[in-house]
Protein backbone atom coordinates (compact mmCIF):
# COMPACT_ATOMS: atom_id res chain seq x y z
CA MET A 1 -18.74 -5.07 -9.67
CA SER A 2 -18.76 -8.41 -11.43
CA GLU A 3 -15.95 -9.35 -13.71
CA SER A 4 -18.17 -9.10 -16.74
CA GLU A 5 -18.93 -5.47 -15.85
CA GLN A 6 -15.33 -4.51 -15.33
CA TYR A 7 -13.32 -2.33 -18.02
CA ALA A 8 -9.89 -3.05 -18.99
CA LEU A 9 -7.32 -0.88 -20.83
CA SER A 10 -7.77 -2.94 -24.01
CA ASP A 11 -11.62 -1.92 -24.03
CA GLU A 12 -12.87 0.67 -26.40
CA THR A 13 -14.62 2.64 -23.83
CA SER A 14 -15.41 6.25 -23.13
CA GLU A 15 -13.58 7.26 -20.05
CA VAL A 16 -13.44 10.87 -20.93
CA VAL A 17 -16.30 13.22 -22.32
CA GLY A 18 -15.86 16.50 -24.06
CA VAL A 19 -16.91 19.77 -22.22
CA ASP A 20 -19.23 20.70 -25.02
CA ASP A 21 -21.22 17.60 -24.04
CA VAL A 22 -22.05 18.55 -20.31
CA GLU A 23 -23.62 21.24 -18.48
CA TRP A 24 -22.06 22.17 -15.12
CA ASP A 25 -24.16 21.50 -11.89
CA VAL A 26 -21.61 22.57 -9.72
CA SER A 27 -18.14 23.87 -9.41
CA THR A 28 -15.14 23.49 -7.11
CA ASP A 29 -11.38 24.35 -7.19
CA VAL A 30 -9.87 21.17 -6.31
CA LEU A 31 -11.45 17.85 -7.09
CA VAL A 32 -10.15 14.69 -5.42
CA ALA A 33 -11.21 11.34 -6.80
CA GLY A 34 -10.79 8.86 -3.95
CA ALA A 35 -10.64 9.27 -0.15
CA GLY A 36 -7.73 6.89 0.53
CA GLY A 37 -4.52 8.01 1.97
CA THR A 38 -3.56 9.80 -1.17
CA GLY A 39 -6.68 11.66 -1.51
CA LEU A 40 -7.10 12.68 2.02
CA VAL A 41 -3.49 13.88 2.37
CA ALA A 42 -3.83 15.86 -1.16
CA ALA A 43 -7.13 17.59 0.14
CA LEU A 44 -5.22 18.41 3.21
CA ALA A 45 -2.47 19.93 1.57
CA ALA A 46 -4.69 21.89 -1.13
CA ALA A 47 -7.17 23.18 1.65
CA GLU A 48 -4.02 24.83 3.48
CA GLU A 49 -5.27 27.93 1.24
CA SER A 50 -8.47 28.63 2.95
CA ASP A 51 -9.85 30.57 -0.01
CA LEU A 52 -9.85 27.52 -2.22
CA THR A 53 -12.75 24.98 -2.24
CA VAL A 54 -11.79 21.15 -2.14
CA THR A 55 -14.15 18.58 -2.81
CA ILE A 56 -13.38 14.82 -2.28
CA LEU A 57 -15.51 12.10 -3.84
CA GLU A 58 -15.32 8.54 -2.59
CA LYS A 59 -17.08 5.70 -4.26
CA ALA A 60 -17.28 3.54 -1.14
CA ALA A 61 -19.47 3.85 1.84
CA GLU A 62 -16.39 4.87 4.00
CA PRO A 63 -13.16 6.78 3.38
CA GLY A 64 -9.88 4.73 3.72
CA GLY A 65 -9.21 2.41 0.71
CA ASN A 66 -6.23 0.52 0.86
CA THR A 67 -4.46 2.79 3.49
CA SER A 68 -7.21 1.87 6.06
CA LEU A 69 -6.44 -1.97 5.39
CA SER A 70 -2.54 -1.38 5.74
CA THR A 71 -0.55 -1.10 8.95
CA GLY A 72 -0.27 2.60 8.26
CA MET A 73 3.48 2.81 8.66
CA VAL A 74 5.22 5.45 6.67
CA PRO A 75 8.86 5.08 5.93
CA ALA A 76 10.76 8.32 6.27
CA ALA A 77 14.45 9.19 6.81
CA GLY A 78 16.03 12.23 8.63
CA THR A 79 12.90 12.76 10.87
CA HIS A 80 12.91 14.44 14.15
CA LEU A 81 11.49 11.36 15.62
CA GLN A 82 14.36 9.47 14.37
CA GLU A 83 16.83 11.95 15.80
CA GLU A 84 15.07 11.87 19.24
CA ALA A 85 15.64 8.12 19.29
CA GLY A 86 19.43 8.54 18.34
CA ILE A 87 18.94 7.44 14.68
CA HIS A 88 20.95 9.55 12.16
CA GLU A 89 19.78 8.42 8.87
CA THR A 90 19.81 10.35 5.33
CA PRO A 91 17.34 10.20 2.78
CA ALA A 92 20.00 8.70 0.55
CA ASP A 93 20.04 5.70 2.79
CA MET A 94 16.28 5.20 2.32
CA ALA A 95 16.43 5.60 -1.39
CA ARG A 96 19.43 2.98 -1.70
CA ASP A 97 17.42 0.43 0.07
CA ILE A 98 14.41 0.97 -2.15
CA LEU A 99 16.42 0.77 -5.24
CA GLU A 100 18.50 -2.08 -4.24
CA LYS A 101 15.28 -3.88 -3.42
CA ASN A 102 13.80 -3.39 -6.92
CA GLY A 103 17.15 -3.85 -8.64
CA TYR A 104 17.32 -0.18 -9.67
CA GLU A 105 14.43 -0.86 -12.00
CA ALA A 106 12.13 1.97 -10.40
CA ASP A 107 12.53 5.54 -11.65
CA GLU A 108 15.62 6.60 -9.61
CA ASP A 109 14.85 10.23 -9.65
CA MET A 110 11.52 9.68 -8.20
CA VAL A 111 12.67 7.35 -5.43
CA VAL A 112 15.36 9.99 -4.51
CA HIS A 113 12.72 12.72 -4.55
CA LEU A 114 10.35 10.87 -2.62
CA ALA A 115 12.83 9.80 0.08
CA GLU A 116 13.92 13.50 0.21
CA GLU A 117 10.25 14.41 0.74
CA SER A 118 9.54 11.72 3.28
CA ARG A 119 10.87 13.62 6.20
CA HIS A 120 9.10 16.76 5.29
CA LEU A 121 5.66 14.71 4.86
CA ILE A 122 5.99 13.24 8.47
CA HIS A 123 6.97 16.85 9.83
CA TRP A 124 4.08 18.23 8.19
CA LEU A 125 1.64 15.55 9.47
CA VAL A 126 2.99 15.40 13.12
CA GLU A 127 4.18 18.98 13.70
CA ASP A 128 1.78 21.02 11.59
CA TRP A 129 -1.28 18.80 11.93
CA ASP A 130 -0.66 16.93 15.07
CA VAL A 131 -1.17 13.58 13.51
CA ASP A 132 -0.29 10.93 16.15
CA MET A 133 2.65 8.78 14.78
CA HIS A 134 5.41 7.12 16.39
CA LEU A 135 8.93 5.72 15.47
CA VAL A 136 8.79 1.91 15.12
CA ASP A 137 12.04 0.73 16.74
CA ASP A 138 11.54 -2.70 17.96
CA PHE A 139 11.65 -4.47 14.48
CA LYS A 140 12.60 -3.95 10.82
CA TYR A 141 10.91 -5.19 7.83
CA PRO A 142 12.95 -7.24 5.27
CA LYS A 143 15.55 -5.22 3.68
CA HIS A 144 15.17 -1.94 5.79
CA SER A 145 18.72 -1.04 6.89
CA GLU A 146 17.52 1.24 9.71
CA TYR A 147 14.41 1.93 11.84
CA ARG A 148 12.42 4.35 9.79
CA MET A 149 8.77 3.27 9.90
CA HIS A 150 6.40 6.00 11.41
CA ALA A 151 3.25 4.45 12.42
CA PRO A 152 -0.18 5.54 13.80
CA PRO A 153 -1.63 4.04 16.92
CA GLY A 154 -1.96 0.39 16.97
CA ARG A 155 0.13 0.26 13.70
CA ASN A 156 -3.15 0.25 12.00
CA GLY A 157 -3.85 2.48 8.69
CA ALA A 158 -7.59 2.75 9.74
CA ASN A 159 -6.35 4.93 12.67
CA LEU A 160 -4.39 7.02 10.34
CA VAL A 161 -7.36 7.35 8.08
CA SER A 162 -9.66 8.37 10.93
CA GLN A 163 -7.08 11.26 12.10
CA LEU A 164 -7.03 12.69 8.48
CA VAL A 165 -10.89 12.53 8.04
CA ASP A 166 -11.35 14.17 11.55
CA LEU A 167 -8.88 16.95 10.42
CA LEU A 168 -10.69 17.62 6.93
CA GLU A 169 -14.19 17.65 8.45
CA GLU A 170 -12.87 20.49 10.57
CA LEU A 171 -12.18 22.52 7.61
CA ASP A 172 -14.83 24.83 6.14
CA ASN A 173 -13.36 24.87 2.74
CA VAL A 174 -13.65 20.80 2.32
CA GLU A 175 -16.38 18.74 1.68
CA LEU A 176 -15.88 14.89 1.65
CA LEU A 177 -18.62 12.96 0.10
CA THR A 178 -19.00 9.05 0.23
CA ASN A 179 -21.11 6.73 -2.08
CA VAL A 180 -20.15 9.13 -4.92
CA PRO A 181 -18.17 7.41 -7.47
CA VAL A 182 -16.36 9.59 -10.24
CA ASN A 183 -17.53 8.11 -13.56
CA GLN A 184 -15.91 10.05 -16.23
CA LEU A 185 -13.33 12.88 -16.70
CA VAL A 186 -14.34 16.11 -18.55
CA ALA A 187 -11.97 17.64 -20.81
CA ASP A 188 -11.51 20.66 -23.04
CA ASP A 189 -8.93 20.15 -25.87
CA GLY A 190 -7.00 17.53 -23.68
CA ALA A 191 -7.14 19.78 -20.45
CA VAL A 192 -9.04 18.30 -17.50
CA VAL A 193 -11.79 20.63 -16.55
CA GLY A 194 -14.00 18.63 -14.33
CA VAL A 195 -15.65 15.22 -13.76
CA LYS A 196 -18.98 13.42 -14.09
CA ALA A 197 -19.93 11.76 -10.73
CA GLY A 198 -22.86 9.97 -8.98
CA VAL A 199 -24.75 6.96 -9.06
CA HIS A 200 -28.58 7.66 -8.98
CA ARG A 201 -28.23 11.20 -10.04
CA GLU A 202 -25.07 12.07 -11.93
CA GLU A 203 -23.79 15.52 -11.88
CA ALA A 204 -21.03 17.38 -13.89
CA ILE A 205 -18.65 19.11 -11.52
CA GLU A 206 -16.43 21.87 -12.90
CA ALA A 207 -13.05 21.83 -11.38
CA GLU A 208 -9.83 23.81 -11.91
CA LYS A 209 -7.62 20.71 -10.91
CA VAL A 210 -8.48 17.17 -10.41
CA VAL A 211 -6.33 14.70 -8.42
CA LEU A 212 -6.62 11.05 -9.25
CA ALA A 213 -6.60 8.97 -5.84
CA THR A 214 -8.72 5.99 -6.90
CA ASP A 215 -5.84 3.63 -6.33
CA GLY A 216 -4.69 0.78 -8.45
CA PHE A 217 -6.49 -2.23 -10.16
CA GLY A 218 -6.10 -4.94 -7.62
CA GLY A 219 -10.01 -5.38 -7.54
CA ASN A 220 -10.14 -5.57 -11.42
CA LYS A 221 -9.88 -9.26 -12.34
CA ARG A 222 -9.70 -8.43 -16.19
CA MET A 223 -6.91 -5.81 -15.51
CA ILE A 224 -5.07 -8.41 -13.39
CA GLN A 225 -5.07 -11.02 -16.22
CA GLU A 226 -3.76 -8.37 -18.70
CA ASN A 227 -0.90 -7.24 -16.61
CA LEU A 228 0.11 -9.44 -13.79
CA ASP A 229 1.88 -12.73 -13.25
CA GLU A 230 -0.15 -15.93 -13.84
CA GLU A 231 0.70 -16.73 -10.15
CA ILE A 232 -1.07 -13.99 -8.67
CA GLU A 233 -4.23 -14.05 -10.94
CA ASP A 234 -6.28 -16.48 -8.67
CA ALA A 235 -4.81 -15.62 -5.19
CA LEU A 236 -6.95 -14.14 -2.57
CA TYR A 237 -7.49 -10.43 -3.32
CA PHE A 238 -6.88 -8.53 0.27
CA GLY A 239 -7.31 -5.04 -0.82
CA ALA A 240 -10.21 -2.42 -1.14
CA ASP A 241 -13.14 -3.53 -3.28
CA GLY A 242 -13.23 -0.13 -5.31
CA ASN A 243 -9.79 -0.39 -6.81
CA GLU A 244 -10.63 -1.21 -10.16
CA GLY A 245 -8.26 0.89 -12.16
CA ASP A 246 -10.50 3.65 -12.94
CA GLY A 247 -8.04 6.64 -12.75
CA ILE A 248 -5.64 4.71 -14.68
CA ARG A 249 -7.87 4.11 -17.66
CA TRP A 250 -8.97 7.74 -17.49
CA GLY A 251 -5.54 9.12 -17.72
CA ALA A 252 -4.61 6.50 -20.41
CA GLU A 253 -7.58 7.84 -22.59
CA LEU A 254 -6.05 11.44 -22.50
CA GLY A 255 -2.74 9.95 -23.76
CA ALA A 256 -0.94 9.40 -20.25
CA ALA A 257 1.99 7.31 -20.22
CA LEU A 258 1.87 4.23 -18.11
CA ALA A 259 4.58 2.23 -16.65
CA SER A 260 5.44 -0.94 -14.50
CA MET A 261 1.99 -2.20 -14.98
CA ASP A 262 3.06 -5.72 -13.94
CA SER A 263 4.22 -4.57 -10.60
CA TYR A 264 2.20 -5.45 -7.39
CA GLN A 265 2.49 -5.97 -3.56
CA GLY A 266 1.69 -9.30 -2.53
CA HIS A 267 1.62 -10.73 1.08
CA ALA A 268 2.60 -14.23 2.29
CA THR A 269 0.80 -14.57 5.40
CA VAL A 270 -2.83 -14.24 5.40
CA ALA A 271 -4.41 -16.70 7.89
CA HIS A 272 -6.09 -19.24 5.84
CA GLN A 273 -8.85 -20.19 8.41
CA THR A 274 -10.01 -16.56 9.36
CA GLY A 275 -8.95 -14.58 6.41
CA ALA A 276 -7.14 -12.29 8.87
CA LEU A 277 -3.69 -10.82 8.15
CA SER A 278 -0.96 -12.41 10.13
CA THR A 279 1.43 -9.64 10.47
CA TYR A 280 5.00 -10.12 8.96
CA ALA A 281 6.42 -8.96 12.20
CA ILE A 282 5.91 -12.61 13.22
CA VAL A 283 8.54 -13.57 10.69
CA MET A 284 10.98 -10.60 11.34
CA ASN A 285 10.99 -11.52 15.01
CA GLY A 286 12.10 -15.02 14.26
CA GLY A 287 9.07 -17.01 12.80
CA ILE A 288 9.52 -19.51 9.85
CA LEU A 289 7.19 -21.14 7.32
CA VAL A 290 6.92 -24.69 6.09
CA ASN A 291 4.82 -26.37 3.63
CA GLU A 292 2.48 -29.50 4.31
CA ASP A 293 5.60 -31.80 4.05
CA GLY A 294 7.05 -29.85 7.02
CA GLU A 295 9.83 -28.63 4.80
CA ARG A 296 10.87 -24.76 4.54
CA PHE A 297 10.73 -23.44 0.96
CA GLY A 298 12.53 -20.27 0.83
CA ASP A 299 14.04 -17.37 2.85
CA GLU A 300 11.12 -15.66 4.45
CA SER A 301 13.16 -12.56 5.11
CA ALA A 302 13.50 -11.74 1.66
CA GLY A 303 10.17 -9.90 1.81
CA TYR A 304 6.63 -10.65 2.18
CA SER A 305 5.70 -9.50 -1.31
CA GLU A 306 7.73 -11.97 -3.43
CA PHE A 307 7.16 -14.54 -0.80
CA ALA A 308 3.63 -14.49 -1.41
CA ILE A 309 4.50 -16.40 -4.70
CA ASP A 310 6.63 -18.95 -2.86
CA VAL A 311 3.55 -19.62 -0.48
CA LEU A 312 1.16 -19.91 -3.57
CA GLN A 313 3.47 -22.59 -5.28
CA GLN A 314 3.23 -24.91 -2.44
CA PRO A 315 0.52 -27.88 -2.35
CA ASP A 316 -2.79 -26.24 -2.38
CA GLY A 317 -1.19 -22.84 -2.18
CA VAL A 318 -0.88 -22.77 1.61
CA GLY A 319 2.06 -22.60 4.07
CA TYR A 320 2.32 -23.00 7.83
CA GLU A 321 3.52 -20.27 10.08
CA ILE A 322 5.77 -21.37 13.03
CA PHE A 323 6.65 -19.26 16.01
CA ASP A 324 6.79 -19.05 19.76
CA GLU A 325 5.37 -17.60 22.83
CA ARG A 326 8.24 -14.99 22.93
CA ILE A 327 7.04 -13.62 19.61
CA PHE A 328 3.37 -13.86 20.52
CA GLU A 329 3.71 -11.89 23.73
CA ARG A 330 5.96 -9.43 21.88
CA LEU A 331 3.36 -8.60 19.33
CA GLN A 332 0.27 -8.38 21.48
CA GLY A 333 -1.06 -4.84 22.01
CA GLN A 334 1.53 -3.69 19.29
CA PHE A 335 -0.32 -4.45 16.13
CA ASP A 336 -4.13 -4.08 15.82
CA ASP A 337 -4.08 -6.72 12.94
CA PHE A 338 -2.42 -9.31 15.38
CA ASP A 339 -4.72 -8.62 18.11
CA GLU A 340 -7.58 -9.19 15.67
CA ALA A 341 -6.12 -12.34 14.32
CA VAL A 342 -5.72 -13.79 17.97
CA GLN A 343 -9.42 -12.78 18.79
CA LEU A 344 -10.47 -14.52 15.61
CA GLY A 345 -8.84 -17.74 16.81
CA ALA A 346 -6.29 -17.88 14.02
CA TYR A 347 -3.51 -19.21 16.04
CA ASP A 348 -3.03 -22.72 17.46
CA SER A 349 -0.48 -23.30 20.34
CA ALA A 350 1.24 -26.59 21.77
CA GLU A 351 3.99 -27.61 23.91
CA THR A 352 6.03 -29.41 21.09
CA VAL A 353 6.38 -28.80 17.34
CA GLU A 354 5.01 -32.09 16.75
CA GLU A 355 1.79 -31.37 18.33
CA LEU A 356 1.35 -28.01 16.76
CA ALA A 357 2.00 -29.40 13.36
CA GLU A 358 -0.49 -32.27 13.91
CA THR A 359 -3.17 -29.49 14.71
CA LEU A 360 -2.05 -27.47 11.85
CA GLY A 361 -1.93 -30.09 9.20
CA CYS A 362 1.76 -30.30 8.33
CA ASP A 363 4.12 -33.20 8.70
CA PRO A 364 4.89 -33.32 12.36
CA ASP A 365 8.36 -34.94 12.20
CA ALA A 366 9.66 -33.03 9.34
CA THR A 367 8.43 -29.79 10.88
CA ALA A 368 10.19 -30.52 14.25
CA ALA A 369 13.17 -31.18 12.15
CA ALA A 370 13.06 -27.75 10.41
CA VAL A 371 12.62 -26.07 13.63
CA GLU A 372 15.74 -27.76 15.02
CA SER A 373 17.87 -27.08 11.98
CA TYR A 374 16.71 -23.43 12.20
CA ASN A 375 17.74 -23.15 15.90
CA GLU A 376 21.06 -24.96 15.20
CA ALA A 377 22.02 -22.55 12.53
CA ILE A 378 21.16 -19.67 14.77
CA ASP A 379 23.27 -21.45 17.61
CA THR A 380 26.20 -21.72 15.33
CA ASP A 381 25.81 -18.29 13.79
CA ARG A 382 25.70 -19.58 10.19
CA PRO A 383 22.98 -19.30 7.35
CA ASP A 384 20.20 -21.76 7.73
CA ASP A 385 19.03 -24.35 5.16
CA VAL A 386 17.30 -21.59 3.18
CA GLY A 387 20.11 -19.21 3.45
CA ARG A 388 18.34 -16.78 5.98
CA THR A 389 20.43 -14.56 8.20
CA ASP A 390 18.03 -11.69 8.90
CA GLY A 391 15.57 -11.48 11.51
CA ARG A 392 16.35 -14.78 13.11
CA ASP A 393 15.78 -15.79 16.63
CA THR A 394 15.69 -19.35 18.46
CA LEU A 395 12.23 -20.87 18.74
CA ARG A 396 11.32 -22.50 22.12
CA SER A 397 8.45 -24.05 23.59
CA PRO A 398 5.46 -23.29 23.98
CA TYR A 399 4.97 -22.95 20.04
CA TYR A 400 2.36 -21.06 18.04
CA GLY A 401 1.26 -21.47 14.33
CA THR A 402 -1.27 -20.95 11.67
CA LYS A 403 -2.15 -21.97 8.19
CA VAL A 404 -1.65 -19.13 5.68
CA THR A 405 -1.94 -18.42 2.16
CA GLY A 406 -0.54 -15.97 -0.36
CA ALA A 407 -2.52 -12.84 -1.40
CA LEU A 408 -2.72 -9.84 -3.60
CA PHE A 409 -2.79 -6.48 -1.78
CA HIS A 410 -2.48 -3.75 -4.34
CA THR A 411 -0.84 -2.95 -7.72
CA GLN A 412 2.12 -0.82 -8.13
CA GLY A 413 1.90 0.26 -11.76
CA GLY A 414 -0.04 3.23 -13.37
CA LEU A 415 0.20 6.62 -14.82
CA VAL A 416 3.63 8.24 -15.02
CA VAL A 417 3.74 11.55 -12.99
CA ASP A 418 6.31 14.18 -12.49
CA ALA A 419 7.97 15.50 -9.20
CA HIS A 420 4.60 17.36 -8.36
CA GLY A 421 2.33 14.47 -9.14
CA ARG A 422 1.28 15.92 -12.59
CA VAL A 423 0.22 13.16 -14.97
CA LEU A 424 2.55 13.02 -17.96
CA ARG A 425 1.72 12.14 -21.49
CA GLU A 426 4.11 9.90 -23.65
CA ASP A 427 5.96 13.03 -24.89
CA GLY A 428 6.68 14.12 -21.32
CA ASP A 429 4.33 16.98 -21.25
CA PRO A 430 1.78 17.32 -18.47
CA VAL A 431 -1.97 16.71 -18.97
CA PRO A 432 -3.18 20.17 -17.87
CA ASN A 433 -4.90 20.16 -14.46
CA LEU A 434 -4.57 16.45 -13.78
CA TYR A 435 -2.56 14.85 -11.03
CA ALA A 436 -2.26 11.29 -9.71
CA GLY A 437 -0.83 9.42 -6.71
CA GLY A 438 -0.98 6.24 -4.72
CA GLY A 439 -1.88 3.10 -7.03
CA SER A 440 -3.29 5.44 -9.78
CA ALA A 441 0.28 6.46 -10.29
CA VAL A 442 3.20 4.35 -11.11
CA GLY A 443 5.02 3.15 -7.87
CA ILE A 444 8.65 2.68 -6.85
CA SER A 445 8.91 -0.93 -6.93
CA GLY A 446 9.96 -1.72 -10.32
CA SER A 447 8.43 -4.79 -11.85
CA GLY A 448 6.74 -7.89 -10.50
CA ALA A 449 6.50 -8.54 -6.86
CA GLY A 450 9.99 -8.61 -5.86
CA GLY A 451 10.84 -5.07 -5.95
CA TYR A 452 8.37 -4.16 -3.34
CA LEU A 453 9.88 -2.77 -0.10
CA SER A 454 7.50 -2.66 3.00
CA GLY A 455 6.32 0.76 2.95
CA ASN A 456 6.69 1.72 -0.69
CA GLY A 457 2.97 1.92 -1.06
CA LEU A 458 2.38 4.68 1.44
CA THR A 459 5.68 6.38 0.49
CA ALA A 460 4.22 7.12 -2.80
CA ALA A 461 0.57 7.47 -1.82
CA LEU A 462 1.10 10.03 0.91
CA GLY A 463 4.10 11.52 -0.65
CA LEU A 464 2.63 12.22 -4.05
CA GLY A 465 -0.77 13.03 -2.47
CA ARG A 466 0.97 15.96 -0.51
CA LEU A 467 2.87 17.00 -3.50
CA ALA A 468 -0.02 17.06 -5.75
CA GLY A 469 -2.18 19.06 -3.24
CA GLU A 470 0.63 21.55 -2.80
CA HIS A 471 1.10 22.14 -6.26
CA ALA A 472 -2.56 22.56 -7.19
CA ARG A 473 -2.86 24.79 -4.19
CA ASP A 474 -0.15 27.03 -5.18
CA ALA A 475 -0.70 26.91 -8.92
CA LEU A 476 -4.29 28.41 -8.09
CA GLY A 477 -3.18 30.72 -5.59
CA ILE A 478 -0.81 32.27 -8.16
CA ARG A 479 -3.54 32.35 -10.77
CA ARG A 480 -5.59 34.39 -8.26
């Protein structure tokens, strides 16, 4: 959709239609708008009651959304997989890391709740549904105090999505339709009772419960301009095309509260030449970034979200990622994203830093001096020139590198929800029959880019998705 066709919260549009203005074409028990991680997990949880019918509508040609573009790594504390690895962590430890990263700006009760639910989410996926996930115990993302990332094969979200889709397609009470966008909610005196959906032939679908899993508004230029920092407005968008804030606008028209609308996740290392993601595991295994003058410009271990802004503030909005063969060999075969970037020719190599810098386009002598200073700081066990102490390792020949830019991955602000994923109005009362999760709901990253702790997106997306699906399922089961 072109920018001129996109809607913002400030527009006077009709996102909700009254029930008296529609004639139902078909009905379902639980209608899920969106087939990314939130929607797929919500549908799976709701469908555990086999007497319920669950319908998932996805506007894109394929399921997945931002989850399929992510690493698929889900943070969780106190899981059986951690215990098997000798790691004894509590949800409180995970909640503390999240809150410290966002300066306690996020809703503390929701952070604690999702951290508590995280282990149940992993156990449910792995033990109840046989989803293939493993504990990542070979590196930590910035500001994670423990190994708690649980990843699908290839550390690739597309593989997690594929498993969830396969599970849903085996269930007789679930229907998943693609190329079918939800266009409007249908309400009866403020209560959601269905949706209008479709492109060439629009249908009115009656539903007992509706879950908004349409993600955020990273793909909506007008909403970005109204809500996010100027530094990220013109950055490369690296999320799913369909993320245009639909669910947020629908809920807002029904009086739903909004929060943290300036919050987002950026990424500092998208390979400039190929457009492939250069996984931040490179940095956290010891890689560094310099600008075209060969100078480091910040502590890379602070986090890839806020460091995206640091990269964008450099000349031409680019940086140069420098690492070595040890890191290259360690990541090969571990990350599908890394292997893809290698196949696309994203990385150059050379025996000396000067030769590599010459190829990349940054100052050779200054880059070599930056690497030497970095190595000396490690050898003397002191903070380096930018104050970095985490994820460091001496860089040695042969060297590898790529030119990178900062990007916007997804937004983190949205509809306020309760512990069950129910959308709340400004007065704190739920909008009847309406749930939200993932980018449609407010996340747990506080404000801006700096509060994002790696994994926050899927913590809220899958966590709230499961909670919403369970609550909808149980509420309908009780009613019947």
